[in-house]
């Protein structure tokens, strides 16, 4: 069986285990998803959702964010961590969306990563979930599981994104990220996976190997 076929078989098995895997961030439009994803850096989705519940009432869109003061934004997002840098990026990002994109979050990777505070991970989250454009999100869970599954040997998120994008059909990219994140949180944890309770252990090429990578 080819590597791509093995990978797809494993992914399909995981999808059966986690049929409701989805983006955990709460948002109403592409701008709010962009903001929530920027805030999620070094922060839990649960905390971000608590913060954005208030943030989006006060500053619902890029117009309001661009007009806000640094201190106001810092106060609203303080508990997400790294709040000074995040506030600066959010305000500048809002200004760029307004001046460069007529107030609409762009729907292409190149334009998204040109915005302040936006890397490939954030851009792919927005593309896949707000615009239904295939995007392979590589966070810590996806990186860990991709290495354990033998889908990559790289530690570099950009390289891992490229390898997984070649390995799996584009139609599976967005959901693949949600599914791997769900499995990474529930079972295939760091530093040691729970192989004894893993529902797809028989398909895993690293079964029984309790290593952190």
C-alpha atoms as a PDB file:
ATOM      1  CA  UNK A   1       0.000   0.000   0.000  1.00  0.00           C
ATOM      2  CA  UNK A   2       1.326   3.428  -0.943  1.00  0.00           C
ATOM      3  CA  UNK A   3       2.145   5.940   1.783  1.00  0.00           C
ATOM      4  CA  UNK A   4      -0.685   8.210   0.622  1.00  0.00           C
ATOM      5  CA  UNK A   5      -3.163   5.332   0.750  1.00  0.00           C
ATOM      6  CA  UNK A   6      -2.011   4.355   4.239  1.00  0.00           C
ATOM      7  CA  UNK A   7      -2.298   7.965   5.395  1.00  0.00           C
ATOM      8  CA  UNK A   8      -5.807   8.325   4.001  1.00  0.00           C
ATOM      9  CA  UNK A   9      -6.879   5.030   5.575  1.00  0.00           C
ATOM     10  CA  UNK A  10      -5.616   6.209   8.952  1.00  0.00           C
ATOM     11  CA  UNK A  11      -7.309   9.588   8.543  1.00  0.00           C
ATOM     12  CA  UNK A  12     -10.634   7.963   7.636  1.00  0.00           C
ATOM     13  CA  UNK A  13     -10.435   5.794  10.757  1.00  0.00           C
ATOM     14  CA  UNK A  14      -9.824   8.877  12.894  1.00  0.00           C
ATOM     15  CA  UNK A  15     -12.735  10.681  11.264  1.00  0.00           C
ATOM     16  CA  UNK A  16     -15.003   7.855  12.391  1.00  0.00           C
ATOM     17  CA  UNK A  17     -13.740   8.288  15.952  1.00  0.00           C
ATOM     18  CA  UNK A  18     -14.077  12.083  15.892  1.00  0.00           C
ATOM     19  CA  UNK A  19     -16.990  12.781  13.519  1.00  0.00           C
ATOM     20  CA  UNK A  20     -17.749  16.144  15.123  1.00  0.00           C
ATOM     21  CA  UNK A  21     -14.202  17.533  15.065  1.00  0.00           C
ATOM     22  CA  UNK A  22     -14.385  21.195  14.090  1.00  0.00           C
ATOM     23  CA  UNK A  23     -12.881  24.617  14.687  1.00  0.00           C
ATOM     24  CA  UNK A  24     -13.421  25.323  18.389  1.00  0.00           C
ATOM     25  CA  UNK A  25     -13.160  29.097  18.034  1.00  0.00           C
ATOM     26  CA  UNK A  26     -16.457  30.994  18.081  1.00  0.00           C
ATOM     27  CA  UNK A  27     -16.910  33.567  15.304  1.00  0.00           C
ATOM     28  CA  UNK A  28     -19.560  35.085  13.042  1.00  0.00           C
ATOM     29  CA  UNK A  29     -17.490  36.177  10.054  1.00  0.00           C
ATOM     30  CA  UNK A  30     -13.975  35.973   8.571  1.00  0.00           C
ATOM     31  CA  UNK A  31     -12.771  39.026  10.512  1.00  0.00           C
ATOM     32  CA  UNK A  32     -13.798  37.568  13.847  1.00  0.00           C
ATOM     33  CA  UNK A  33     -12.162  34.234  13.007  1.00  0.00           C
ATOM     34  CA  UNK A  34      -8.972  36.063  12.026  1.00  0.00           C
ATOM     35  CA  UNK A  35      -8.942  37.948  15.332  1.00  0.00           C
ATOM     36  CA  UNK A  36      -9.710  34.834  17.379  1.00  0.00           C
ATOM     37  CA  UNK A  37      -6.956  32.868  15.659  1.00  0.00           C
ATOM     38  CA  UNK A  38      -4.398  35.609  16.256  1.00  0.00           C
ATOM     39  CA  UNK A  39      -5.400  35.617  19.930  1.00  0.00           C
ATOM     40  CA  UNK A  40      -5.113  31.818  20.137  1.00  0.00           C
ATOM     41  CA  UNK A  41      -1.320  31.909  19.904  1.00  0.00           C
ATOM     42  CA  UNK A  42      -0.003  30.499  23.206  1.00  0.00           C
ATOM     43  CA  UNK A  43      -3.562  30.471  24.534  1.00  0.00           C
ATOM     44  CA  UNK A  44      -6.369  27.930  24.764  1.00  0.00           C
ATOM     45  CA  UNK A  45      -9.411  28.130  22.517  1.00  0.00           C
ATOM     46  CA  UNK A  46     -11.602  28.137  25.627  1.00  0.00           C
ATOM     47  CA  UNK A  47      -9.902  31.255  26.961  1.00  0.00           C
ATOM     48  CA  UNK A  48     -10.040  32.959  23.572  1.00  0.00           C
ATOM     49  CA  UNK A  49     -13.785  32.336  23.333  1.00  0.00           C
ATOM     50  CA  UNK A  50     -14.295  33.898  26.762  1.00  0.00           C
ATOM     51  CA  UNK A  51     -12.300  36.953  25.696  1.00  0.00           C
ATOM     52  CA  UNK A  52     -13.894  37.401  22.275  1.00  0.00           C
ATOM     53  CA  UNK A  53     -17.398  37.205  23.760  1.00  0.00           C
ATOM     54  CA  UNK A  54     -16.724  40.669  25.193  1.00  0.00           C
ATOM     55  CA  UNK A  55     -14.234  41.860  22.603  1.00  0.00           C
ATOM     56  CA  UNK A  56     -16.638  41.439  19.681  1.00  0.00           C
ATOM     57  CA  UNK A  57     -19.383  43.324  21.513  1.00  0.00           C
ATOM     58  CA  UNK A  58     -17.097  46.317  21.969  1.00  0.00           C
ATOM     59  CA  UNK A  59     -15.057  46.046  18.759  1.00  0.00           C
ATOM     60  CA  UNK A  60     -17.075  43.896  16.337  1.00  0.00           C
ATOM     61  CA  UNK A  61     -15.230  44.673  13.105  1.00  0.00           C
ATOM     62  CA  UNK A  62     -12.065  46.128  11.563  1.00  0.00           C
ATOM     63  CA  UNK A  63     -13.475  49.673  11.583  1.00  0.00           C
ATOM     64  CA  UNK A  64     -13.881  49.639  15.354  1.00  0.00           C
ATOM     65  CA  UNK A  65     -10.590  47.800  15.915  1.00  0.00           C
ATOM     66  CA  UNK A  66      -8.637  50.276  13.801  1.00  0.00           C
ATOM     67  CA  UNK A  67     -10.126  53.171  15.764  1.00  0.00           C
ATOM     68  CA  UNK A  68      -9.388  51.629  19.167  1.00  0.00           C
ATOM     69  CA  UNK A  69      -6.456  52.641  21.334  1.00  0.00           C
ATOM     70  CA  UNK A  70      -3.630  50.288  22.188  1.00  0.00           C
ATOM     71  CA  UNK A  71      -4.587  50.405  25.867  1.00  0.00           C
ATOM     72  CA  UNK A  72      -8.244  49.638  25.155  1.00  0.00           C
ATOM     73  CA  UNK A  73      -7.394  46.553  23.123  1.00  0.00           C
ATOM     74  CA  UNK A  74      -4.794  45.433  25.648  1.00  0.00           C
ATOM     75  CA  UNK A  75      -7.373  45.639  28.420  1.00  0.00           C
ATOM     76  CA  UNK A  76      -9.901  43.587  26.438  1.00  0.00           C
ATOM     77  CA  UNK A  77      -7.479  40.792  25.493  1.00  0.00           C
ATOM     78  CA  UNK A  78      -5.178  40.842  28.517  1.00  0.00           C
ATOM     79  CA  UNK A  79      -5.862  37.300  29.686  1.00  0.00           C
ATOM     80  CA  UNK A  80      -4.828  35.714  26.356  1.00  0.00           C
ATOM     81  CA  UNK A  81      -1.159  36.430  27.065  1.00  0.00           C
ATOM     82  CA  UNK A  82       1.354  38.439  25.030  1.00  0.00           C
ATOM     83  CA  UNK A  83      -1.401  41.051  25.023  1.00  0.00           C
ATOM     84  CA  UNK A  84       0.735  44.066  24.098  1.00  0.00           C
ATOM     85  CA  UNK A  85       2.071  42.532  20.916  1.00  0.00           C
ATOM     86  CA  UNK A  86      -1.298  40.995  20.056  1.00  0.00           C
ATOM     87  CA  UNK A  87      -3.058  44.343  20.533  1.00  0.00           C
ATOM     88  CA  UNK A  88      -0.539  46.092  18.311  1.00  0.00           C
ATOM     89  CA  UNK A  89      -0.938  43.458  15.613  1.00  0.00           C
ATOM     90  CA  UNK A  90      -4.744  43.510  15.766  1.00  0.00           C
ATOM     91  CA  UNK A  91      -4.945  47.276  15.351  1.00  0.00           C
ATOM     92  CA  UNK A  92      -2.449  47.295  12.491  1.00  0.00           C
ATOM     93  CA  UNK A  93      -4.137  44.283  10.886  1.00  0.00           C
ATOM     94  CA  UNK A  94      -7.492  46.095  10.993  1.00  0.00           C
ATOM     95  CA  UNK A  95      -5.926  49.152   9.354  1.00  0.00           C
ATOM     96  CA  UNK A  96      -4.485  46.972   6.596  1.00  0.00           C
ATOM     97  CA  UNK A  97      -7.795  45.204   5.980  1.00  0.00           C
ATOM     98  CA  UNK A  98      -9.498  48.580   5.635  1.00  0.00           C
ATOM     99  CA  UNK A  99      -6.907  50.293   3.441  1.00  0.00           C
ATOM    100  CA  UNK A 100      -5.739  47.378   1.309  1.00  0.00           C
ATOM    101  CA  UNK A 101      -8.827  45.168   1.109  1.00  0.00           C
ATOM    102  CA  UNK A 102     -11.825  47.518   1.385  1.00  0.00           C
ATOM    103  CA  UNK A 103     -12.685  46.183   4.828  1.00  0.00           C
ATOM    104  CA  UNK A 104     -12.899  42.533   3.757  1.00  0.00           C
ATOM    105  CA  UNK A 105     -10.527  39.844   5.005  1.00  0.00           C
ATOM    106  CA  UNK A 106      -8.689  38.565   1.908  1.00  0.00           C
ATOM    107  CA  UNK A 107      -9.347  35.006   0.763  1.00  0.00           C
ATOM    108  CA  UNK A 108      -5.887  34.077  -0.479  1.00  0.00           C
ATOM    109  CA  UNK A 109      -2.824  32.897   1.400  1.00  0.00           C
ATOM    110  CA  UNK A 110      -0.394  35.493   0.070  1.00  0.00           C
ATOM    111  CA  UNK A 111      -2.579  38.434   1.070  1.00  0.00           C
ATOM    112  CA  UNK A 112      -3.390  36.953   4.469  1.00  0.00           C
ATOM    113  CA  UNK A 113       0.207  36.341   5.515  1.00  0.00           C
ATOM    114  CA  UNK A 114       1.039  39.930   4.534  1.00  0.00           C
ATOM    115  CA  UNK A 115      -1.207  41.154   7.352  1.00  0.00           C
ATOM    116  CA  UNK A 116       0.290  41.947  10.751  1.00  0.00           C
ATOM    117  CA  UNK A 117       0.199  39.037  13.162  1.00  0.00           C
ATOM    118  CA  UNK A 118      -0.789  36.507  10.499  1.00  0.00           C
ATOM    119  CA  UNK A 119       1.362  33.473   9.696  1.00  0.00           C
ATOM    120  CA  UNK A 120       0.601  30.468   7.535  1.00  0.00           C
ATOM    121  CA  UNK A 121      -1.184  28.645  10.343  1.00  0.00           C
ATOM    122  CA  UNK A 122      -3.575  31.528  10.969  1.00  0.00           C
ATOM    123  CA  UNK A 123      -4.068  32.095   7.242  1.00  0.00           C
ATOM    124  CA  UNK A 124      -4.958  28.445   6.669  1.00  0.00           C
ATOM    125  CA  UNK A 125      -7.429  28.489   9.564  1.00  0.00           C
ATOM    126  CA  UNK A 126      -9.228  31.432   7.957  1.00  0.00           C
ATOM    127  CA  UNK A 127      -9.118  29.973   4.444  1.00  0.00           C
ATOM    128  CA  UNK A 128     -10.413  26.567   5.465  1.00  0.00           C
ATOM    129  CA  UNK A 129     -13.071  27.586   7.961  1.00  0.00           C
ATOM    130  CA  UNK A 130     -14.296  30.994   6.818  1.00  0.00           C
ATOM    131  CA  UNK A 131     -13.952  30.557   3.064  1.00  0.00           C
ATOM    132  CA  UNK A 132     -14.017  26.775   2.580  1.00  0.00           C
ATOM    133  CA  UNK A 133     -10.740  27.018   0.679  1.00  0.00           C
ATOM    134  CA  UNK A 134      -8.514  24.008   1.501  1.00  0.00           C
ATOM    135  CA  UNK A 135      -5.906  24.904   4.093  1.00  0.00           C
ATOM    136  CA  UNK A 136      -3.570  22.576   5.980  1.00  0.00           C
ATOM    137  CA  UNK A 137      -3.176  23.941   9.494  1.00  0.00           C
ATOM    138  CA  UNK A 138      -0.039  22.786  11.284  1.00  0.00           C
ATOM    139  CA  UNK A 139      -0.204  23.413  15.014  1.00  0.00           C
ATOM    140  CA  UNK A 140       1.622  21.542  17.777  1.00  0.00           C
ATOM    141  CA  UNK A 141      -0.847  18.632  17.688  1.00  0.00           C
ATOM    142  CA  UNK A 142      -0.722  18.217  13.911  1.00  0.00           C
ATOM    143  CA  UNK A 143       3.064  18.427  13.963  1.00  0.00           C
ATOM    144  CA  UNK A 144       3.356  15.787  16.695  1.00  0.00           C
ATOM    145  CA  UNK A 145       0.901  13.353  15.139  1.00  0.00           C
ATOM    146  CA  UNK A 146       2.251  13.754  11.614  1.00  0.00           C
ATOM    147  CA  UNK A 147       5.689  12.743  12.891  1.00  0.00           C
ATOM    148  CA  UNK A 148       4.343   9.824  14.912  1.00  0.00           C
ATOM    149  CA  UNK A 149       2.336   8.581  11.933  1.00  0.00           C
ATOM    150  CA  UNK A 150       5.433   8.725   9.750  1.00  0.00           C
ATOM    151  CA  UNK A 151       3.882  11.329   7.480  1.00  0.00           C
ATOM    152  CA  UNK A 152       6.895  13.591   7.914  1.00  0.00           C
ATOM    153  CA  UNK A 153      10.328  13.652   9.521  1.00  0.00           C
ATOM    154  CA  UNK A 154      10.526  17.431   9.616  1.00  0.00           C
ATOM    155  CA  UNK A 155      10.254  19.761  12.617  1.00  0.00           C
ATOM    156  CA  UNK A 156       9.531  22.753  10.398  1.00  0.00           C
ATOM    157  CA  UNK A 157       5.817  23.675  10.229  1.00  0.00           C
ATOM    158  CA  UNK A 158       6.060  25.040   6.682  1.00  0.00           C
ATOM    159  CA  UNK A 159       7.789  21.881   5.459  1.00  0.00           C
ATOM    160  CA  UNK A 160       5.247  19.717   7.283  1.00  0.00           C
ATOM    161  CA  UNK A 161       2.419  21.682   5.661  1.00  0.00           C
ATOM    162  CA  UNK A 162       3.931  21.064   2.232  1.00  0.00           C
ATOM    163  CA  UNK A 163       4.448  17.342   2.863  1.00  0.00           C
ATOM    164  CA  UNK A 164       0.938  16.775   4.233  1.00  0.00           C
ATOM    165  CA  UNK A 165      -0.533  18.761   1.358  1.00  0.00           C
ATOM    166  CA  UNK A 166       1.217  16.451  -1.087  1.00  0.00           C
ATOM    167  CA  UNK A 167       0.249  13.363   0.885  1.00  0.00           C
ATOM    168  CA  UNK A 168      -3.482  14.030   1.237  1.00  0.00           C
ATOM    169  CA  UNK A 169      -6.155  15.259  -1.203  1.00  0.00           C
ATOM    170  CA  UNK A 170      -6.878  18.991  -0.984  1.00  0.00           C
ATOM    171  CA  UNK A 171     -10.500  18.256  -0.076  1.00  0.00           C
ATOM    172  CA  UNK A 172      -9.260  16.673   3.175  1.00  0.00           C
ATOM    173  CA  UNK A 173      -6.829  19.360   4.309  1.00  0.00           C
ATOM    174  CA  UNK A 174      -9.095  21.455   6.516  1.00  0.00           C
ATOM    175  CA  UNK A 175     -10.874  18.569   8.212  1.00  0.00           C
ATOM    176  CA  UNK A 176      -7.610  16.669   8.617  1.00  0.00           C
ATOM    177  CA  UNK A 177      -6.326  19.422  10.882  1.00  0.00           C
ATOM    178  CA  UNK A 178      -9.482  19.349  13.038  1.00  0.00           C
ATOM    179  CA  UNK A 179      -9.360  15.561  13.287  1.00  0.00           C
ATOM    180  CA  UNK A 180      -5.676  15.364  14.218  1.00  0.00           C
ATOM    181  CA  UNK A 181      -6.101  18.123  16.800  1.00  0.00           C
ATOM    182  CA  UNK A 182      -9.022  16.235  18.358  1.00  0.00           C
ATOM    183  CA  UNK A 183      -6.988  13.013  18.542  1.00  0.00           C
ATOM    184  CA  UNK A 184      -3.933  14.846  19.843  1.00  0.00           C
ATOM    185  CA  UNK A 185      -5.934  16.366  22.677  1.00  0.00           C
ATOM    186  CA  UNK A 186      -7.830  13.198  23.552  1.00  0.00           C
ATOM    187  CA  UNK A 187      -5.278  10.416  23.170  1.00  0.00           C
ATOM    188  CA  UNK A 188      -2.043  10.985  21.241  1.00  0.00           C
ATOM    189  CA  UNK A 189      -0.727  13.464  23.761  1.00  0.00           C
ATOM    190  CA  UNK A 190       2.675  14.936  24.501  1.00  0.00           C
ATOM    191  CA  UNK A 191       5.057  13.814  25.746  1.00  0.00           C
ATOM    192  CA  UNK A 192       3.723  10.240  25.784  1.00  0.00           C
ATOM    193  CA  UNK A 193       0.849   8.891  23.689  1.00  0.00           C
ATOM    194  CA  UNK A 194      -1.823   6.702  25.290  1.00  0.00           C
ATOM    195  CA  UNK A 195      -1.324   3.801  22.884  1.00  0.00           C
ATOM    196  CA  UNK A 196      -3.078   1.299  25.151  1.00  0.00           C
ATOM    197  CA  UNK A 197      -6.351   3.214  24.826  1.00  0.00           C
ATOM    198  CA  UNK A 198      -5.924   4.443  21.252  1.00  0.00           C
ATOM    199  CA  UNK A 199      -8.910   3.538  19.039  1.00  0.00           C
ATOM    200  CA  UNK A 200      -6.806   3.351  15.879  1.00  0.00           C
ATOM    201  CA  UNK A 201      -3.630   1.827  17.303  1.00  0.00           C
ATOM    202  CA  UNK A 202      -3.628  -1.092  14.856  1.00  0.00           C
ATOM    203  CA  UNK A 203      -3.281   1.349  11.957  1.00  0.00           C
ATOM    204  CA  UNK A 204      -0.551   3.424  13.561  1.00  0.00           C
ATOM    205  CA  UNK A 205       2.996   2.727  12.347  1.00  0.00           C
ATOM    206  CA  UNK A 206       4.351   3.867  15.711  1.00  0.00           C
ATOM    207  CA  UNK A 207       2.031   1.779  17.883  1.00  0.00           C
ATOM    208  CA  UNK A 208       3.494   0.880  21.228  1.00  0.00           C
ATOM    209  CA  UNK A 209       6.451   3.215  20.810  1.00  0.00           C
ATOM    210  CA  UNK A 210       6.097   5.585  23.745  1.00  0.00           C
ATOM    211  CA  UNK A 211       8.281   8.407  22.551  1.00  0.00           C
ATOM    212  CA  UNK A 212       7.609  12.113  22.581  1.00  0.00           C
ATOM    213  CA  UNK A 213       8.172  12.491  18.838  1.00  0.00           C
END
